[in-house]
Amino acid sequence: MDQPILLREDSGAVARLTLNSPGSLNALSETMLGALEEAFDALAADATIRAVVIAANGKAFSAGHDLKQMQGHRNDPDGGRSYYDALFARCGGVMARIPALPQPVIAEVRGLATAAGLQLAASCDMVVASEGTRFGVNGVNLGLFCSTPAVALSRAVPAKVAFEMAVTGEFIDTERAVAVGLVNRVVPEAQLTDAAMALAQVAASKLGVAVKLGKDGFYRQLGLPLAAAYGLAGPVMAENMMERDTAEGIQAFIEKRKPDWAE
């Protein structure tokens, strides 16, 4: 029996999702998008999970959409327009689930992340990459500007960098990816999984309700004018302060002891 296209393995409070279609370079086919939708919905309701890692089997994180699948709809009555509208809307919905999850999400990227594959990595809260990984939105080389991947990319790196990548189709290496803010950490290939899991374990060790409130507030304030951002963030912190475990955590710090959290 074939293995699932998306694997999930839980390690304590960390859930590890692994794209498992190496033969297609983990293309974001309809099946893969559906599996990600189901996994993200399950994680959103799973209070036992405090952090998520998205990894991939094979030599690439993801090469993006399944172009053969897309090209197969050229003969639809409308030339594929309704299919393409639905596909890109669905993909955008999958990506939007990531910042909406209550848990921090870390992309563990090796080899190659391009087009919608880069979109997936850029949509994550943090990225750990192995040395030698290449990142790009190269659809323009085929005549297809990566407009939807550019949504996530332009929120992860400066707009001029994102546009340069999208309009030239050129790849960047891990050194530049770190410099422009796309990647948090770069490690040798042999250390990639350990590094991503270690970062996830640190995130998972924090008070869950604080991270959940904080992540939601963090993304809601992004892009707001300064005064509006503070107007949003203040009540988030006040709500966090009202939590029993937050009170215990502060008191434990004052008393120089380990907090006795109920979670």
C-alpha atoms as a PDB file:
ATOM      1  CA  MET A   1       0.000   0.000   0.000  1.00  0.00           C
ATOM      2  CA  ASP A   2       1.289   3.456  -0.909  1.00  0.00           C
ATOM      3  CA  GLN A   3       2.182   5.793   1.911  1.00  0.00           C
ATOM      4  CA  PRO A   4       0.062   8.917   2.458  1.00  0.00           C
ATOM      5  CA  ILE A   5       1.089  11.987   0.497  1.00  0.00           C
ATOM      6  CA  LEU A   6       1.407  13.874   3.786  1.00  0.00           C
ATOM      7  CA  LEU A   7       2.773  12.236   6.919  1.00  0.00           C
ATOM      8  CA  ARG A   8       2.189  13.365  10.490  1.00  0.00           C
ATOM      9  CA  GLU A   9       4.329  12.316  13.423  1.00  0.00           C
ATOM     10  CA  ASP A  10       3.918  13.807  16.895  1.00  0.00           C
ATOM     11  CA  SER A  11       6.888  14.136  19.217  1.00  0.00           C
ATOM     12  CA  GLY A  12       5.571  15.333  22.549  1.00  0.00           C
ATOM     13  CA  ALA A  13       3.971  18.707  21.930  1.00  0.00           C
ATOM     14  CA  VAL A  14       5.489  19.071  18.437  1.00  0.00           C
ATOM     15  CA  ALA A  15       3.666  17.851  15.325  1.00  0.00           C
ATOM     16  CA  ARG A  16       5.829  17.084  12.321  1.00  0.00           C
ATOM     17  CA  LEU A  17       4.155  17.203   8.891  1.00  0.00           C
ATOM     18  CA  THR A  18       6.205  15.756   6.032  1.00  0.00           C
ATOM     19  CA  LEU A  19       5.389  16.294   2.370  1.00  0.00           C
ATOM     20  CA  ASN A  20       5.749  12.803   0.951  1.00  0.00           C
ATOM     21  CA  SER A  21       5.743  12.989  -2.821  1.00  0.00           C
ATOM     22  CA  PRO A  22       9.461  13.092  -3.651  1.00  0.00           C
ATOM     23  CA  GLY A  23       8.902  11.791  -7.165  1.00  0.00           C
ATOM     24  CA  SER A  24       7.050  15.011  -8.031  1.00  0.00           C
ATOM     25  CA  LEU A  25       9.439  17.166  -5.956  1.00  0.00           C
ATOM     26  CA  ASN A  26       6.549  17.444  -3.494  1.00  0.00           C
ATOM     27  CA  ALA A  27       4.382  19.351  -5.936  1.00  0.00           C
ATOM     28  CA  LEU A  28       1.369  21.079  -4.415  1.00  0.00           C
ATOM     29  CA  SER A  29      -1.134  19.007  -6.334  1.00  0.00           C
ATOM     30  CA  GLU A  30      -4.831  18.992  -5.545  1.00  0.00           C
ATOM     31  CA  THR A  31      -4.237  15.923  -3.380  1.00  0.00           C
ATOM     32  CA  MET A  32      -1.389  17.589  -1.483  1.00  0.00           C
ATOM     33  CA  LEU A  33      -3.396  20.769  -0.925  1.00  0.00           C
ATOM     34  CA  GLY A  34      -6.304  18.699   0.367  1.00  0.00           C
ATOM     35  CA  ALA A  35      -4.027  16.816   2.750  1.00  0.00           C
ATOM     36  CA  LEU A  36      -2.580  20.082   4.061  1.00  0.00           C
ATOM     37  CA  GLU A  37      -6.081  21.499   4.547  1.00  0.00           C
ATOM     38  CA  GLU A  38      -7.103  18.494   6.624  1.00  0.00           C
ATOM     39  CA  ALA A  39      -3.880  18.538   8.643  1.00  0.00           C
ATOM     40  CA  PHE A  40      -4.121  22.244   9.441  1.00  0.00           C
ATOM     41  CA  ASP A  41      -7.770  21.934  10.464  1.00  0.00           C
ATOM     42  CA  ALA A  42      -6.862  19.049  12.793  1.00  0.00           C
ATOM     43  CA  LEU A  43      -3.964  20.987  14.300  1.00  0.00           C
ATOM     44  CA  ALA A  44      -6.125  24.052  14.901  1.00  0.00           C
ATOM     45  CA  ALA A  45      -8.332  21.925  17.156  1.00  0.00           C
ATOM     46  CA  ASP A  46      -5.518  19.997  18.862  1.00  0.00           C
ATOM     47  CA  ALA A  47      -4.691  21.602  22.214  1.00  0.00           C
ATOM     48  CA  THR A  48      -1.955  19.026  22.902  1.00  0.00           C
ATOM     49  CA  ILE A  49       0.228  20.389  20.085  1.00  0.00           C
ATOM     50  CA  ARG A  50       2.279  23.514  20.852  1.00  0.00           C
ATOM     51  CA  ALA A  51       4.435  23.768  17.709  1.00  0.00           C
ATOM     52  CA  VAL A  52       4.453  22.436  14.135  1.00  0.00           C
ATOM     53  CA  VAL A  53       7.284  21.588  11.739  1.00  0.00           C
ATOM     54  CA  ILE A  54       6.625  21.260   7.996  1.00  0.00           C
ATOM     55  CA  ALA A  55       9.323  19.173   6.297  1.00  0.00           C
ATOM     56  CA  ALA A  56       9.617  17.168   3.091  1.00  0.00           C
ATOM     57  CA  ASN A  57      10.996  13.858   1.888  1.00  0.00           C
ATOM     58  CA  GLY A  58      13.366  13.774  -1.051  1.00  0.00           C
ATOM     59  CA  LYS A  59      15.791  16.284  -2.505  1.00  0.00           C
ATOM     60  CA  ALA A  60      13.398  19.267  -2.598  1.00  0.00           C
ATOM     61  CA  PHE A  61      11.074  20.934  -0.142  1.00  0.00           C
ATOM     62  CA  SER A  62       8.587  21.683  -2.910  1.00  0.00           C
ATOM     63  CA  ALA A  63       8.777  22.709  -6.562  1.00  0.00           C
ATOM     64  CA  GLY A  64       5.353  24.367  -6.457  1.00  0.00           C
ATOM     65  CA  HIS A  65       2.122  23.596  -8.251  1.00  0.00           C
ATOM     66  CA  ASP A  66       1.702  20.442 -10.307  1.00  0.00           C
ATOM     67  CA  LEU A  67       2.146  21.928 -13.791  1.00  0.00           C
ATOM     68  CA  LYS A  68       1.072  18.746 -15.596  1.00  0.00           C
ATOM     69  CA  GLN A  69      -2.156  18.726 -13.611  1.00  0.00           C
ATOM     70  CA  MET A  70      -2.725  22.396 -14.420  1.00  0.00           C
ATOM     71  CA  GLN A  71      -1.945  21.959 -18.103  1.00  0.00           C
ATOM     72  CA  GLY A  72      -4.437  19.094 -18.278  1.00  0.00           C
ATOM     73  CA  HIS A  73      -7.303  21.567 -17.897  1.00  0.00           C
ATOM     74  CA  ARG A  74      -6.460  23.560 -21.020  1.00  0.00           C
ATOM     75  CA  ASN A  75      -9.126  21.581 -22.880  1.00  0.00           C
ATOM     76  CA  ASP A  76     -11.905  22.432 -20.428  1.00  0.00           C
ATOM     77  CA  PRO A  77     -14.852  24.244 -22.043  1.00  0.00           C
ATOM     78  CA  ASP A  78     -13.654  27.567 -20.661  1.00  0.00           C
ATOM     79  CA  GLY A  79      -9.997  26.871 -21.365  1.00  0.00           C
ATOM     80  CA  GLY A  80      -9.414  26.052 -17.702  1.00  0.00           C
ATOM     81  CA  ARG A  81     -10.275  29.487 -16.301  1.00  0.00           C
ATOM     82  CA  SER A  82     -12.744  28.268 -13.663  1.00  0.00           C
ATOM     83  CA  TYR A  83     -10.320  25.514 -12.624  1.00  0.00           C
ATOM     84  CA  TYR A  84      -7.417  27.955 -12.274  1.00  0.00           C
ATOM     85  CA  ASP A  85      -9.529  30.426 -10.306  1.00  0.00           C
ATOM     86  CA  ALA A  86     -10.547  27.652  -7.918  1.00  0.00           C
ATOM     87  CA  LEU A  87      -7.008  26.223  -7.663  1.00  0.00           C
ATOM     88  CA  PHE A  88      -5.308  29.494  -6.760  1.00  0.00           C
ATOM     89  CA  ALA A  89      -8.096  30.428  -4.359  1.00  0.00           C
ATOM     90  CA  ARG A  90      -7.757  27.057  -2.655  1.00  0.00           C
ATOM     91  CA  CYS A  91      -3.994  27.350  -2.448  1.00  0.00           C
ATOM     92  CA  GLY A  92      -4.290  30.832  -0.951  1.00  0.00           C
ATOM     93  CA  GLY A  93      -6.726  29.479   1.612  1.00  0.00           C
ATOM     94  CA  VAL A  94      -4.299  26.723   2.594  1.00  0.00           C
ATOM     95  CA  MET A  95      -1.462  29.219   3.020  1.00  0.00           C
ATOM     96  CA  ALA A  96      -3.655  31.567   5.063  1.00  0.00           C
ATOM     97  CA  ARG A  97      -4.344  28.749   7.510  1.00  0.00           C
ATOM     98  CA  ILE A  98      -0.707  28.771   8.640  1.00  0.00           C
ATOM     99  CA  PRO A  99      -0.561  32.188  10.338  1.00  0.00           C
ATOM    100  CA  ALA A 100      -4.079  31.518  11.634  1.00  0.00           C
ATOM    101  CA  LEU A 101      -2.971  28.369  13.490  1.00  0.00           C
ATOM    102  CA  PRO A 102      -2.547  28.821  17.255  1.00  0.00           C
ATOM    103  CA  GLN A 103       0.837  27.079  17.136  1.00  0.00           C
ATOM    104  CA  PRO A 104       4.108  28.477  15.756  1.00  0.00           C
ATOM    105  CA  VAL A 105       4.884  26.784  12.427  1.00  0.00           C
ATOM    106  CA  ILE A 106       8.458  26.144  11.277  1.00  0.00           C
ATOM    107  CA  ALA A 107       9.403  25.235   7.706  1.00  0.00           C
ATOM    108  CA  GLU A 108      12.296  22.768   7.499  1.00  0.00           C
ATOM    109  CA  VAL A 109      13.637  23.403   4.007  1.00  0.00           C
ATOM    110  CA  ARG A 110      16.272  21.546   2.032  1.00  0.00           C
ATOM    111  CA  GLY A 111      17.325  21.512  -1.590  1.00  0.00           C
ATOM    112  CA  LEU A 112      14.796  23.671  -3.357  1.00  0.00           C
ATOM    113  CA  ALA A 113      11.738  25.770  -2.562  1.00  0.00           C
ATOM    114  CA  THR A 114      10.260  27.420  -5.606  1.00  0.00           C
ATOM    115  CA  ALA A 115       7.014  29.040  -6.763  1.00  0.00           C
ATOM    116  CA  ALA A 116       4.164  27.766  -4.574  1.00  0.00           C
ATOM    117  CA  GLY A 117       6.738  25.714  -2.667  1.00  0.00           C
ATOM    118  CA  LEU A 118       8.441  28.940  -1.651  1.00  0.00           C
ATOM    119  CA  GLN A 119       4.992  30.330  -0.890  1.00  0.00           C
ATOM    120  CA  LEU A 120       4.503  27.494   1.599  1.00  0.00           C
ATOM    121  CA  ALA A 121       7.841  28.145   3.299  1.00  0.00           C
ATOM    122  CA  ALA A 122       7.332  31.917   3.362  1.00  0.00           C
ATOM    123  CA  SER A 123       3.871  31.468   4.879  1.00  0.00           C
ATOM    124  CA  CYS A 124       5.380  29.715   7.904  1.00  0.00           C
ATOM    125  CA  ASP A 125       6.260  31.675  11.027  1.00  0.00           C
ATOM    126  CA  MET A 126       9.925  30.645  10.882  1.00  0.00           C
ATOM    127  CA  VAL A 127      12.212  28.909   8.388  1.00  0.00           C
ATOM    128  CA  VAL A 128      15.225  26.695   9.074  1.00  0.00           C
ATOM    129  CA  ALA A 129      17.156  25.745   5.926  1.00  0.00           C
ATOM    130  CA  SER A 130      20.097  23.526   5.082  1.00  0.00           C
ATOM    131  CA  GLU A 131      23.198  24.924   3.446  1.00  0.00           C
ATOM    132  CA  GLY A 132      22.946  24.915  -0.323  1.00  0.00           C
ATOM    133  CA  THR A 133      19.168  25.363  -0.463  1.00  0.00           C
ATOM    134  CA  ARG A 134      17.868  27.589  -3.276  1.00  0.00           C
ATOM    135  CA  PHE A 135      14.768  29.751  -3.136  1.00  0.00           C
ATOM    136  CA  GLY A 136      12.885  31.240  -6.066  1.00  0.00           C
ATOM    137  CA  VAL A 137       9.636  32.260  -7.695  1.00  0.00           C
ATOM    138  CA  ASN A 138      10.608  31.282 -11.222  1.00  0.00           C
ATOM    139  CA  GLY A 139       7.234  30.975 -12.912  1.00  0.00           C
ATOM    140  CA  VAL A 140       7.991  34.026 -15.028  1.00  0.00           C
ATOM    141  CA  ASN A 141      10.587  31.924 -16.853  1.00  0.00           C
ATOM    142  CA  LEU A 142       7.667  29.841 -18.144  1.00  0.00           C
ATOM    143  CA  GLY A 143       5.531  32.893 -18.879  1.00  0.00           C
ATOM    144  CA  LEU A 144       3.573  32.731 -15.607  1.00  0.00           C
ATOM    145  CA  PHE A 145       4.283  35.495 -13.089  1.00  0.00           C
ATOM    146  CA  CYS A 146       4.129  34.032  -9.561  1.00  0.00           C
ATOM    147  CA  SER A 147       1.441  36.402  -8.302  1.00  0.00           C
ATOM    148  CA  THR A 148       0.082  34.246  -5.481  1.00  0.00           C
ATOM    149  CA  PRO A 149       3.503  33.122  -4.211  1.00  0.00           C
ATOM    150  CA  ALA A 150       4.483  36.805  -4.252  1.00  0.00           C
ATOM    151  CA  VAL A 151       1.776  37.513  -1.653  1.00  0.00           C
ATOM    152  CA  ALA A 152       3.565  35.404   0.951  1.00  0.00           C
ATOM    153  CA  LEU A 153       7.034  36.371  -0.269  1.00  0.00           C
ATOM    154  CA  SER A 154       6.366  40.123  -0.146  1.00  0.00           C
ATOM    155  CA  ARG A 155       5.230  39.747   3.467  1.00  0.00           C
ATOM    156  CA  ALA A 156       8.437  37.936   4.375  1.00  0.00           C
ATOM    157  CA  VAL A 157      11.043  40.073   2.603  1.00  0.00           C
ATOM    158  CA  PRO A 158      11.273  43.708   1.423  1.00  0.00           C
ATOM    159  CA  ALA A 159       9.001  44.467  -1.526  1.00  0.00           C
ATOM    160  CA  LYS A 160      11.872  45.308  -3.885  1.00  0.00           C
ATOM    161  CA  VAL A 161      13.539  41.965  -3.164  1.00  0.00           C
ATOM    162  CA  ALA A 162      10.281  40.082  -3.708  1.00  0.00           C
ATOM    163  CA  PHE A 163       9.599  41.873  -6.978  1.00  0.00           C
ATOM    164  CA  GLU A 164      13.138  41.317  -8.223  1.00  0.00           C
ATOM    165  CA  MET A 165      12.797  37.589  -7.547  1.00  0.00           C
ATOM    166  CA  ALA A 166       9.368  37.432  -9.207  1.00  0.00           C
ATOM    167  CA  VAL A 167      10.235  39.447 -12.310  1.00  0.00           C
ATOM    168  CA  THR A 168      13.650  37.869 -12.978  1.00  0.00           C
ATOM    169  CA  GLY A 169      12.877  34.302 -11.927  1.00  0.00           C
ATOM    170  CA  GLU A 170      16.343  34.143 -10.409  1.00  0.00           C
ATOM    171  CA  PHE A 171      17.053  32.001  -7.352  1.00  0.00           C
ATOM    172  CA  ILE A 172      18.700  33.200  -4.172  1.00  0.00           C
ATOM    173  CA  ASP A 173      20.959  31.138  -1.936  1.00  0.00           C
ATOM    174  CA  THR A 174      20.715  30.662   1.810  1.00  0.00           C
ATOM    175  CA  GLU A 175      23.153  33.494   2.520  1.00  0.00           C
ATOM    176  CA  ARG A 176      20.961  36.045   0.799  1.00  0.00           C
ATOM    177  CA  ALA A 177      17.791  34.399   2.112  1.00  0.00           C
ATOM    178  CA  VAL A 178      19.012  35.058   5.655  1.00  0.00           C
ATOM    179  CA  ALA A 179      20.116  38.588   4.783  1.00  0.00           C
ATOM    180  CA  VAL A 180      16.688  39.561   3.415  1.00  0.00           C
ATOM    181  CA  GLY A 181      14.763  37.896   6.244  1.00  0.00           C
ATOM    182  CA  LEU A 182      13.279  34.910   4.426  1.00  0.00           C
ATOM    183  CA  VAL A 183      15.196  32.369   6.541  1.00  0.00           C
ATOM    184  CA  ASN A 184      15.844  32.412  10.294  1.00  0.00           C
ATOM    185  CA  ARG A 185      18.641  29.846  10.544  1.00  0.00           C
ATOM    186  CA  VAL A 186      20.935  27.956   8.176  1.00  0.00           C
ATOM    187  CA  VAL A 187      22.596  24.720   9.264  1.00  0.00           C
ATOM    188  CA  PRO A 188      24.524  21.884   7.606  1.00  0.00           C
ATOM    189  CA  GLU A 189      22.326  19.333   5.854  1.00  0.00           C
ATOM    190  CA  ALA A 190      23.032  16.658   8.455  1.00  0.00           C
ATOM    191  CA  GLN A 191      21.804  18.944  11.242  1.00  0.00           C
ATOM    192  CA  LEU A 192      18.644  20.237   9.561  1.00  0.00           C
ATOM    193  CA  THR A 193      16.015  18.061  11.220  1.00  0.00           C
ATOM    194  CA  ASP A 194      17.601  18.365  14.645  1.00  0.00           C
ATOM    195  CA  ALA A 195      17.809  22.158  14.322  1.00  0.00           C
ATOM    196  CA  ALA A 196      14.196  22.542  13.219  1.00  0.00           C
ATOM    197  CA  MET A 197      12.933  20.225  15.930  1.00  0.00           C
ATOM    198  CA  ALA A 198      15.037  21.965  18.585  1.00  0.00           C
ATOM    199  CA  LEU A 199      13.540  25.332  17.627  1.00  0.00           C
ATOM    200  CA  ALA A 200      10.060  23.788  17.703  1.00  0.00           C
ATOM    201  CA  GLN A 201      10.700  22.298  21.138  1.00  0.00           C
ATOM    202  CA  VAL A 202      11.707  25.722  22.478  1.00  0.00           C
ATOM    203  CA  ALA A 203       8.506  27.262  21.116  1.00  0.00           C
ATOM    204  CA  ALA A 204       6.462  24.350  22.466  1.00  0.00           C
ATOM    205  CA  SER A 205       7.931  24.813  25.944  1.00  0.00           C
ATOM    206  CA  LYS A 206       6.340  28.241  26.371  1.00  0.00           C
ATOM    207  CA  LEU A 207       2.932  28.851  27.901  1.00  0.00           C
ATOM    208  CA  GLY A 208       0.478  27.776  25.203  1.00  0.00           C
ATOM    209  CA  VAL A 209      -2.193  30.396  25.858  1.00  0.00           C
ATOM    210  CA  ALA A 210       0.419  33.168  25.757  1.00  0.00           C
ATOM    211  CA  VAL A 211       1.765  31.983  22.402  1.00  0.00           C
ATOM    212  CA  LYS A 212      -1.733  31.539  20.975  1.00  0.00           C
ATOM    213  CA  LEU A 213      -2.832  35.047  21.982  1.00  0.00           C
ATOM    214  CA  GLY A 214       0.517  36.496  20.979  1.00  0.00           C
ATOM    215  CA  LYS A 215       0.646  34.915  17.535  1.00  0.00           C
ATOM    216  CA  ASP A 216      -2.866  36.048  16.708  1.00  0.00           C
ATOM    217  CA  GLY A 217      -2.135  39.582  17.859  1.00  0.00           C
ATOM    218  CA  PHE A 218       1.229  39.661  16.099  1.00  0.00           C
ATOM    219  CA  TYR A 219      -0.284  38.999  12.685  1.00  0.00           C
ATOM    220  CA  ARG A 220      -3.286  41.254  13.214  1.00  0.00           C
ATOM    221  CA  GLN A 221      -1.087  44.254  14.036  1.00  0.00           C
ATOM    222  CA  LEU A 222       1.210  43.821  11.056  1.00  0.00           C
ATOM    223  CA  GLY A 223       0.540  46.474   8.459  1.00  0.00           C
ATOM    224  CA  LEU A 224      -1.515  48.665  10.777  1.00  0.00           C
ATOM    225  CA  PRO A 225      -0.483  52.270  11.393  1.00  0.00           C
ATOM    226  CA  LEU A 226       1.617  52.631  14.549  1.00  0.00           C
ATOM    227  CA  ALA A 227      -1.142  53.982  16.785  1.00  0.00           C
ATOM    228  CA  ALA A 228      -3.621  51.347  15.604  1.00  0.00           C
ATOM    229  CA  ALA A 229      -1.040  48.585  16.123  1.00  0.00           C
ATOM    230  CA  TYR A 230      -0.490  49.665  19.731  1.00  0.00           C
ATOM    231  CA  GLY A 231      -4.249  49.977  20.159  1.00  0.00           C
ATOM    232  CA  LEU A 232      -4.602  46.338  19.143  1.00  0.00           C
ATOM    233  CA  ALA A 233      -1.564  44.984  20.993  1.00  0.00           C
ATOM    234  CA  GLY A 234      -2.382  46.569  24.348  1.00  0.00           C
ATOM    235  CA  PRO A 235      -5.657  44.699  24.892  1.00  0.00           C
ATOM    236  CA  VAL A 236      -3.967  41.467  23.729  1.00  0.00           C
ATOM    237  CA  MET A 237      -1.363  41.836  26.473  1.00  0.00           C
ATOM    238  CA  ALA A 238      -4.050  42.768  28.992  1.00  0.00           C
ATOM    239  CA  GLU A 239      -6.005  39.636  28.067  1.00  0.00           C
ATOM    240  CA  ASN A 240      -2.816  37.598  28.453  1.00  0.00           C
ATOM    241  CA  MET A 241      -2.231  39.152  31.893  1.00  0.00           C
ATOM    242  CA  MET A 242      -5.627  37.895  33.060  1.00  0.00           C
ATOM    243  CA  GLU A 243      -4.609  34.254  32.597  1.00  0.00           C
ATOM    244  CA  ARG A 244      -4.033  32.270  35.796  1.00  0.00           C
ATOM    245  CA  ASP A 245      -0.829  30.740  34.443  1.00  0.00           C
ATOM    246  CA  THR A 246       0.531  34.149  33.468  1.00  0.00           C
ATOM    247  CA  ALA A 247       0.032  35.391  37.003  1.00  0.00           C
ATOM    248  CA  GLU A 248       1.786  32.266  38.265  1.00  0.00           C
ATOM    249  CA  GLY A 249       4.649  32.713  35.796  1.00  0.00           C
ATOM    250  CA  ILE A 250       5.287  36.296  36.885  1.00  0.00           C
ATOM    251  CA  GLN A 251       5.064  35.413  40.567  1.00  0.00           C
ATOM    252  CA  ALA A 252       7.458  32.503  40.058  1.00  0.00           C
ATOM    253  CA  PHE A 253       9.948  34.864  38.398  1.00  0.00           C
ATOM    254  CA  ILE A 254       9.664  37.288  41.314  1.00  0.00           C
ATOM    255  CA  GLU A 255      10.189  34.429  43.781  1.00  0.00           C
ATOM    256  CA  LYS A 256      13.010  32.913  41.684  1.00  0.00           C
ATOM    257  CA  ARG A 257      11.355  29.520  41.256  1.00  0.00           C
ATOM    258  CA  LYS A 258       9.939  27.400  38.445  1.00  0.00           C
ATOM    259  CA  PRO A 259       6.311  28.252  37.581  1.00  0.00           C
ATOM    260  CA  ASP A 260       3.591  25.769  38.457  1.00  0.00           C
ATOM    261  CA  TRP A 261       1.542  26.059  35.287  1.00  0.00           C
ATOM    262  CA  ALA A 262      -1.762  24.241  35.029  1.00  0.00           C
ATOM    263  CA  GLU A 263      -1.351  23.658  31.267  1.00  0.00           C
END
